[in-house]
Amino acid sequence: MQKLKSKIKQEYMLGLGIVTIIFGLFLFSFNYISIKINYAYDYMNIQLLKNEQPKQYPSIKQEIHISDSDNATLTNPDVTPTPTSENKINNSYYIGTLEIPKISFKRGFVSKTSKFNDVNKNITILESSNYPDQKKGNFIIAAHSGNSKIAYFANLYKLAENDIAIVFYKNKKYTYQIVNIYTQPKIGKVTIYRNREKDVLTLITCTKDDSKSQTIYIAEKIKEENV
């Protein structure tokens, strides 16, 4: 009787060991398969993201990091500043003018080093921007949208490809045509897709009715003339 019990116990332990091994192999296989599946999903997502990039210049991009002074453009579109004398910019401070005929927009801009080059005072030239007279450069202007008094780019959403923007700078008139419009999430930086062989104007503002994204307007120079 004792031998029978011992034999049963041995068979039970053997069976339990086999079940444990099978279960362990199952867990290992499951984890291995899960890793492979996740890898496959990640790979496919990367491919999809690549395909979703703007088609005009998929391999030519410029990444702009938003500084603290510029960040309000992307995070606080409806802020209204406390009125001060600094908000009244004398024309002598302007070094040029941005005009967009379709939306009847006309506004002067100051130099990048000016204290008035601030989104809470004016349309703003971003630090990494080139001025319009630099060949193959990118003149980048950002401003608030929304409903506040400083929402200078409130009507940019009305623009479409082929619309015109004009910059007057140093006795020159630069005419640009919009070639691409796209949105990106607000994450403290902007990726600009543009042709580096072209002179480019980039306009950046918050996306209308979407507090979590920003809209980028890419325009290429089509004409330059003396004024």
C-alpha atoms as a PDB file:
ATOM      1  CA  MET A   1       0.000   0.000   0.000  1.00  0.00           C
ATOM      2  CA  GLN A   2       2.849   2.311   0.906  1.00  0.00           C
ATOM      3  CA  LYS A   3       4.588   1.539  -2.391  1.00  0.00           C
ATOM      4  CA  LEU A   4       1.369   2.328  -4.282  1.00  0.00           C
ATOM      5  CA  LYS A   5       1.068   5.699  -2.544  1.00  0.00           C
ATOM      6  CA  SER A   6       4.713   6.480  -3.279  1.00  0.00           C
ATOM      7  CA  LYS A   7       4.229   5.557  -6.923  1.00  0.00           C
ATOM      8  CA  ILE A   8       1.118   7.713  -7.192  1.00  0.00           C
ATOM      9  CA  LYS A   9       2.970  10.600  -5.556  1.00  0.00           C
ATOM     10  CA  GLN A  10       5.872  10.225  -7.979  1.00  0.00           C
ATOM     11  CA  GLU A  11       3.518  10.133 -10.955  1.00  0.00           C
ATOM     12  CA  TYR A  12       1.695  13.194  -9.563  1.00  0.00           C
ATOM     13  CA  MET A  13       4.960  15.095  -9.146  1.00  0.00           C
ATOM     14  CA  LEU A  14       6.060  14.045 -12.617  1.00  0.00           C
ATOM     15  CA  GLY A  15       2.772  15.176 -14.105  1.00  0.00           C
ATOM     16  CA  LEU A  16       2.950  18.461 -12.226  1.00  0.00           C
ATOM     17  CA  GLY A  17       6.503  18.971 -13.477  1.00  0.00           C
ATOM     18  CA  ILE A  18       5.437  18.309 -17.072  1.00  0.00           C
ATOM     19  CA  VAL A  19       2.498  20.727 -16.745  1.00  0.00           C
ATOM     20  CA  THR A  20       4.829  23.372 -15.240  1.00  0.00           C
ATOM     21  CA  ILE A  21       7.298  22.952 -18.099  1.00  0.00           C
ATOM     22  CA  ILE A  22       4.540  23.145 -20.711  1.00  0.00           C
ATOM     23  CA  PHE A  23       3.080  26.244 -19.028  1.00  0.00           C
ATOM     24  CA  GLY A  24       6.538  27.830 -18.856  1.00  0.00           C
ATOM     25  CA  LEU A  25       7.128  27.114 -22.543  1.00  0.00           C
ATOM     26  CA  PHE A  26       3.718  28.588 -23.319  1.00  0.00           C
ATOM     27  CA  LEU A  27       4.513  31.792 -21.417  1.00  0.00           C
ATOM     28  CA  PHE A  28       7.903  32.073 -23.099  1.00  0.00           C
ATOM     29  CA  SER A  29       6.359  31.514 -26.529  1.00  0.00           C
ATOM     30  CA  PHE A  30       3.559  33.974 -25.777  1.00  0.00           C
ATOM     31  CA  ASN A  31       6.015  36.670 -24.704  1.00  0.00           C
ATOM     32  CA  TYR A  32       8.213  35.984 -27.723  1.00  0.00           C
ATOM     33  CA  ILE A  33       5.246  36.180 -30.098  1.00  0.00           C
ATOM     34  CA  SER A  34       3.974  39.346 -28.370  1.00  0.00           C
ATOM     35  CA  ILE A  35       7.370  41.000 -28.787  1.00  0.00           C
ATOM     36  CA  LYS A  36       7.421  40.065 -32.463  1.00  0.00           C
ATOM     37  CA  ILE A  37       3.853  41.328 -32.959  1.00  0.00           C
ATOM     38  CA  ASN A  38       4.653  44.643 -31.230  1.00  0.00           C
ATOM     39  CA  TYR A  39       7.789  44.971 -33.319  1.00  0.00           C
ATOM     40  CA  ALA A  40       5.736  44.396 -36.467  1.00  0.00           C
ATOM     41  CA  TYR A  41       3.163  46.995 -35.371  1.00  0.00           C
ATOM     42  CA  ASP A  42       5.906  49.513 -34.565  1.00  0.00           C
ATOM     43  CA  TYR A  43       7.503  48.929 -37.948  1.00  0.00           C
ATOM     44  CA  MET A  44       4.192  49.395 -39.740  1.00  0.00           C
ATOM     45  CA  ASN A  45       3.433  52.554 -37.751  1.00  0.00           C
ATOM     46  CA  ILE A  46       6.800  54.011 -38.697  1.00  0.00           C
ATOM     47  CA  GLN A  47       6.099  53.265 -42.345  1.00  0.00           C
ATOM     48  CA  LEU A  48       2.643  54.834 -42.082  1.00  0.00           C
ATOM     49  CA  LEU A  49       4.055  57.957 -40.428  1.00  0.00           C
ATOM     50  CA  LYS A  50       6.596  58.270 -43.202  1.00  0.00           C
ATOM     51  CA  ASN A  51       3.821  58.036 -45.766  1.00  0.00           C
ATOM     52  CA  GLU A  52       1.767  60.687 -43.947  1.00  0.00           C
ATOM     53  CA  GLN A  53       4.486  63.336 -44.157  1.00  0.00           C
ATOM     54  CA  PRO A  54       3.830  66.156 -46.639  1.00  0.00           C
ATOM     55  CA  LYS A  55       4.443  64.712 -50.083  1.00  0.00           C
ATOM     56  CA  GLN A  56       6.082  67.747 -51.662  1.00  0.00           C
ATOM     57  CA  TYR A  57       9.443  67.433 -49.919  1.00  0.00           C
ATOM     58  CA  PRO A  58       9.403  64.270 -47.767  1.00  0.00           C
ATOM     59  CA  SER A  59      13.174  64.200 -47.219  1.00  0.00           C
ATOM     60  CA  ILE A  60      13.830  67.941 -46.916  1.00  0.00           C
ATOM     61  CA  LYS A  61      12.843  69.288 -43.537  1.00  0.00           C
ATOM     62  CA  GLN A  62      13.874  71.852 -40.956  1.00  0.00           C
ATOM     63  CA  GLU A  63      13.118  71.396 -37.268  1.00  0.00           C
ATOM     64  CA  ILE A  64      12.440  74.576 -35.314  1.00  0.00           C
ATOM     65  CA  HIS A  65      12.563  74.477 -31.524  1.00  0.00           C
ATOM     66  CA  ILE A  66      10.239  77.020 -29.932  1.00  0.00           C
ATOM     67  CA  SER A  67      11.941  79.223 -27.362  1.00  0.00           C
ATOM     68  CA  ASP A  68      10.235  80.349 -24.161  1.00  0.00           C
ATOM     69  CA  SER A  69       9.490  83.757 -25.640  1.00  0.00           C
ATOM     70  CA  ASP A  70       7.948  82.234 -28.760  1.00  0.00           C
ATOM     71  CA  ASN A  71       6.139  79.392 -27.029  1.00  0.00           C
ATOM     72  CA  ALA A  72       3.055  81.519 -26.274  1.00  0.00           C
ATOM     73  CA  THR A  73       2.284  81.358 -29.970  1.00  0.00           C
ATOM     74  CA  LEU A  74       1.645  77.645 -29.640  1.00  0.00           C
ATOM     75  CA  THR A  75       0.176  77.366 -26.163  1.00  0.00           C
ATOM     76  CA  ASN A  76      -1.871  80.464 -25.369  1.00  0.00           C
ATOM     77  CA  PRO A  77      -3.696  81.758 -28.451  1.00  0.00           C
ATOM     78  CA  ASP A  78      -6.336  83.840 -26.692  1.00  0.00           C
ATOM     79  CA  VAL A  79      -4.208  85.707 -24.155  1.00  0.00           C
ATOM     80  CA  THR A  80      -4.864  89.445 -23.928  1.00  0.00           C
ATOM     81  CA  PRO A  81      -1.912  91.454 -22.567  1.00  0.00           C
ATOM     82  CA  THR A  82      -2.234  94.247 -20.057  1.00  0.00           C
ATOM     83  CA  PRO A  83      -2.173  97.459 -22.130  1.00  0.00           C
ATOM     84  CA  THR A  84       1.166  99.228 -21.828  1.00  0.00           C
ATOM     85  CA  SER A  85       3.018 101.857 -23.803  1.00  0.00           C
ATOM     86  CA  GLU A  86       5.248  99.072 -25.175  1.00  0.00           C
ATOM     87  CA  ASN A  87       2.277  97.642 -27.087  1.00  0.00           C
ATOM     88  CA  LYS A  88       2.173 100.776 -29.210  1.00  0.00           C
ATOM     89  CA  ILE A  89       4.997 100.260 -31.653  1.00  0.00           C
ATOM     90  CA  ASN A  90       6.166 103.360 -33.440  1.00  0.00           C
ATOM     91  CA  ASN A  91       6.538 102.940 -37.209  1.00  0.00           C
ATOM     92  CA  SER A  92      10.225 103.752 -36.901  1.00  0.00           C
ATOM     93  CA  TYR A  93      10.763 100.353 -35.277  1.00  0.00           C
ATOM     94  CA  TYR A  94       9.499  98.427 -38.299  1.00  0.00           C
ATOM     95  CA  ILE A  95      12.069  97.019 -40.704  1.00  0.00           C
ATOM     96  CA  GLY A  96       9.505  95.569 -43.093  1.00  0.00           C
ATOM     97  CA  THR A  97       5.880  94.695 -43.729  1.00  0.00           C
ATOM     98  CA  LEU A  98       3.921  91.492 -44.281  1.00  0.00           C
ATOM     99  CA  GLU A  99       0.822  91.709 -46.468  1.00  0.00           C
ATOM    100  CA  ILE A 100      -1.689  88.992 -47.341  1.00  0.00           C
ATOM    101  CA  PRO A 101      -4.212  90.401 -49.844  1.00  0.00           C
ATOM    102  CA  LYS A 102      -6.829  87.625 -49.574  1.00  0.00           C
ATOM    103  CA  ILE A 103      -7.534  88.346 -45.907  1.00  0.00           C
ATOM    104  CA  SER A 104      -6.726  92.098 -46.067  1.00  0.00           C
ATOM    105  CA  PHE A 105      -3.790  91.613 -43.712  1.00  0.00           C
ATOM    106  CA  LYS A 106      -1.046  94.213 -43.359  1.00  0.00           C
ATOM    107  CA  ARG A 107       1.344  94.395 -40.420  1.00  0.00           C
ATOM    108  CA  GLY A 108       4.876  95.627 -39.870  1.00  0.00           C
ATOM    109  CA  PHE A 109       7.567  93.473 -38.303  1.00  0.00           C
ATOM    110  CA  VAL A 110      10.622  94.420 -36.258  1.00  0.00           C
ATOM    111  CA  SER A 111      14.124  92.957 -36.142  1.00  0.00           C
ATOM    112  CA  LYS A 112      14.754  89.669 -34.344  1.00  0.00           C
ATOM    113  CA  THR A 113      16.694  91.486 -31.622  1.00  0.00           C
ATOM    114  CA  SER A 114      14.022  94.102 -30.911  1.00  0.00           C
ATOM    115  CA  LYS A 115      12.121  94.012 -27.605  1.00  0.00           C
ATOM    116  CA  PHE A 116       8.962  94.318 -29.696  1.00  0.00           C
ATOM    117  CA  ASN A 117       9.685  91.029 -31.488  1.00  0.00           C
ATOM    118  CA  ASP A 118       7.308  89.286 -29.108  1.00  0.00           C
ATOM    119  CA  VAL A 119       4.042  87.450 -29.801  1.00  0.00           C
ATOM    120  CA  ASN A 120       2.323  89.511 -27.108  1.00  0.00           C
ATOM    121  CA  LYS A 121       3.210  92.710 -28.947  1.00  0.00           C
ATOM    122  CA  ASN A 122       3.463  91.954 -32.637  1.00  0.00           C
ATOM    123  CA  ILE A 123       3.921  89.325 -35.324  1.00  0.00           C
ATOM    124  CA  THR A 124       7.193  87.618 -34.450  1.00  0.00           C
ATOM    125  CA  ILE A 125      10.251  86.563 -36.420  1.00  0.00           C
ATOM    126  CA  LEU A 126      11.484  83.292 -34.921  1.00  0.00           C
ATOM    127  CA  GLU A 127      15.086  83.140 -33.801  1.00  0.00           C
ATOM    128  CA  SER A 128      16.132  80.520 -36.359  1.00  0.00           C
ATOM    129  CA  SER A 129      14.621  82.541 -39.201  1.00  0.00           C
ATOM    130  CA  ASN A 130      16.519  84.081 -42.133  1.00  0.00           C
ATOM    131  CA  TYR A 131      15.618  87.509 -43.464  1.00  0.00           C
ATOM    132  CA  PRO A 132      13.934  87.660 -46.902  1.00  0.00           C
ATOM    133  CA  ASP A 133      17.096  88.802 -48.713  1.00  0.00           C
ATOM    134  CA  GLN A 134      18.999  85.619 -47.840  1.00  0.00           C
ATOM    135  CA  LYS A 135      19.092  83.261 -50.793  1.00  0.00           C
ATOM    136  CA  LYS A 136      17.535  79.849 -50.163  1.00  0.00           C
ATOM    137  CA  GLY A 137      16.595  81.079 -46.706  1.00  0.00           C
ATOM    138  CA  ASN A 138      13.430  80.636 -44.678  1.00  0.00           C
ATOM    139  CA  PHE A 139      11.701  83.734 -43.311  1.00  0.00           C
ATOM    140  CA  ILE A 140       9.592  82.412 -40.411  1.00  0.00           C
ATOM    141  CA  ILE A 141       6.857  84.501 -38.805  1.00  0.00           C
ATOM    142  CA  ALA A 142       4.601  83.380 -35.966  1.00  0.00           C
ATOM    143  CA  ALA A 143       1.646  85.091 -34.307  1.00  0.00           C
ATOM    144  CA  HIS A 144      -1.396  84.399 -32.167  1.00  0.00           C
ATOM    145  CA  SER A 145      -4.732  83.269 -33.534  1.00  0.00           C
ATOM    146  CA  GLY A 146      -7.982  83.243 -31.601  1.00  0.00           C
ATOM    147  CA  ASN A 147     -10.111  86.170 -30.470  1.00  0.00           C
ATOM    148  CA  SER A 148      -7.765  88.448 -28.539  1.00  0.00           C
ATOM    149  CA  LYS A 149      -6.502  91.871 -29.593  1.00  0.00           C
ATOM    150  CA  ILE A 150      -3.134  90.366 -30.417  1.00  0.00           C
ATOM    151  CA  ALA A 151      -4.525  87.512 -32.530  1.00  0.00           C
ATOM    152  CA  TYR A 152      -2.888  88.921 -35.651  1.00  0.00           C
ATOM    153  CA  PHE A 153      -3.099  85.597 -37.508  1.00  0.00           C
ATOM    154  CA  ALA A 154      -6.740  84.960 -36.609  1.00  0.00           C
ATOM    155  CA  ASN A 155      -7.771  84.737 -40.278  1.00  0.00           C
ATOM    156  CA  LEU A 156      -4.914  82.644 -41.612  1.00  0.00           C
ATOM    157  CA  TYR A 157      -7.227  79.620 -41.643  1.00  0.00           C
ATOM    158  CA  LYS A 158      -8.947  81.172 -44.676  1.00  0.00           C
ATOM    159  CA  LEU A 159      -5.822  80.743 -46.785  1.00  0.00           C
ATOM    160  CA  ALA A 160      -5.352  77.957 -49.313  1.00  0.00           C
ATOM    161  CA  GLU A 161      -2.624  76.748 -51.624  1.00  0.00           C
ATOM    162  CA  ASN A 162      -1.738  79.231 -54.398  1.00  0.00           C
ATOM    163  CA  ASP A 163      -2.745  82.240 -52.267  1.00  0.00           C
ATOM    164  CA  ILE A 164      -0.270  85.119 -52.187  1.00  0.00           C
ATOM    165  CA  ALA A 165       1.729  86.721 -49.376  1.00  0.00           C
ATOM    166  CA  ILE A 166       3.947  89.769 -49.874  1.00  0.00           C
ATOM    167  CA  VAL A 167       6.923  90.956 -47.834  1.00  0.00           C
ATOM    168  CA  PHE A 168       8.430  94.437 -48.147  1.00  0.00           C
ATOM    169  CA  TYR A 169      11.993  94.552 -46.834  1.00  0.00           C
ATOM    170  CA  LYS A 170      14.965  96.819 -47.591  1.00  0.00           C
ATOM    171  CA  ASN A 171      13.375  98.481 -50.615  1.00  0.00           C
ATOM    172  CA  LYS A 172      12.438  95.131 -52.106  1.00  0.00           C
ATOM    173  CA  LYS A 173       9.056  93.526 -52.673  1.00  0.00           C
ATOM    174  CA  TYR A 174       9.073  89.755 -52.261  1.00  0.00           C
ATOM    175  CA  THR A 175       6.012  87.901 -53.530  1.00  0.00           C
ATOM    176  CA  TYR A 176       5.378  84.395 -52.239  1.00  0.00           C
ATOM    177  CA  GLN A 177       2.833  81.743 -53.210  1.00  0.00           C
ATOM    178  CA  ILE A 178       1.546  79.185 -50.704  1.00  0.00           C
ATOM    179  CA  VAL A 179       2.504  75.654 -51.766  1.00  0.00           C
ATOM    180  CA  ASN A 180       1.700  73.635 -48.658  1.00  0.00           C
ATOM    181  CA  ILE A 181      -0.459  73.840 -45.515  1.00  0.00           C
ATOM    182  CA  TYR A 182      -0.313  71.237 -42.747  1.00  0.00           C
ATOM    183  CA  THR A 183      -0.830  70.841 -39.005  1.00  0.00           C
ATOM    184  CA  GLN A 184       1.335  69.465 -36.219  1.00  0.00           C
ATOM    185  CA  PRO A 185       0.774  68.849 -32.510  1.00  0.00           C
ATOM    186  CA  LYS A 186       2.025  71.453 -30.040  1.00  0.00           C
ATOM    187  CA  ILE A 187       5.082  69.793 -28.538  1.00  0.00           C
ATOM    188  CA  GLY A 188       7.483  72.718 -28.300  1.00  0.00           C
ATOM    189  CA  LYS A 189       8.917  72.375 -31.782  1.00  0.00           C
ATOM    190  CA  VAL A 190       7.869  72.669 -35.404  1.00  0.00           C
ATOM    191  CA  THR A 191       9.071  70.552 -38.305  1.00  0.00           C
ATOM    192  CA  ILE A 192       9.082  72.605 -41.479  1.00  0.00           C
ATOM    193  CA  TYR A 193       8.889  70.735 -44.771  1.00  0.00           C
ATOM    194  CA  ARG A 194      10.190  72.932 -47.540  1.00  0.00           C
ATOM    195  CA  ASN A 195      12.392  72.983 -50.622  1.00  0.00           C
ATOM    196  CA  ARG A 196      15.851  74.141 -49.541  1.00  0.00           C
ATOM    197  CA  GLU A 197      16.587  75.286 -53.092  1.00  0.00           C
ATOM    198  CA  LYS A 198      13.824  77.920 -52.795  1.00  0.00           C
ATOM    199  CA  ASP A 199      13.437  81.206 -50.938  1.00  0.00           C
ATOM    200  CA  VAL A 200      10.656  80.437 -48.466  1.00  0.00           C
ATOM    201  CA  LEU A 201       8.216  82.288 -46.226  1.00  0.00           C
ATOM    202  CA  THR A 202       6.778  80.220 -43.346  1.00  0.00           C
ATOM    203  CA  LEU A 203       3.803  81.358 -41.274  1.00  0.00           C
ATOM    204  CA  ILE A 204       2.940  79.591 -38.014  1.00  0.00           C
ATOM    205  CA  THR A 205      -0.101  79.956 -35.781  1.00  0.00           C
ATOM    206  CA  CYS A 206      -2.528  77.944 -33.687  1.00  0.00           C
ATOM    207  CA  THR A 207      -5.016  75.814 -35.589  1.00  0.00           C
ATOM    208  CA  LYS A 208      -8.527  77.228 -35.597  1.00  0.00           C
ATOM    209  CA  ASP A 209     -10.818  75.459 -33.101  1.00  0.00           C
ATOM    210  CA  ASP A 210      -8.044  73.089 -32.046  1.00  0.00           C
ATOM    211  CA  SER A 211      -6.047  74.065 -28.973  1.00  0.00           C
ATOM    212  CA  LYS A 212      -3.673  71.110 -29.307  1.00  0.00           C
ATOM    213  CA  SER A 213      -2.274  71.724 -32.770  1.00  0.00           C
ATOM    214  CA  GLN A 214      -0.569  74.381 -34.852  1.00  0.00           C
ATOM    215  CA  THR A 215      -0.847  75.107 -38.564  1.00  0.00           C
ATOM    216  CA  ILE A 216       2.142  75.756 -40.794  1.00  0.00           C
ATOM    217  CA  TYR A 217       1.863  77.634 -44.097  1.00  0.00           C
ATOM    218  CA  ILE A 218       4.741  77.172 -46.552  1.00  0.00           C
ATOM    219  CA  ALA A 219       5.086  79.780 -49.313  1.00  0.00           C
ATOM    220  CA  GLU A 220       7.773  79.968 -52.014  1.00  0.00           C
ATOM    221  CA  LYS A 221       9.054  83.152 -53.607  1.00  0.00           C
ATOM    222  CA  ILE A 222       7.776  83.680 -57.142  1.00  0.00           C
ATOM    223  CA  LYS A 223       8.875  87.264 -57.689  1.00  0.00           C
ATOM    224  CA  GLU A 224      11.354  89.829 -56.361  1.00  0.00           C
ATOM    225  CA  GLU A 225      11.296  93.460 -57.429  1.00  0.00           C
ATOM    226  CA  ASN A 226      12.617  96.852 -56.389  1.00  0.00           C
ATOM    227  CA  VAL A 227      10.242  99.368 -54.798  1.00  0.00           C
END
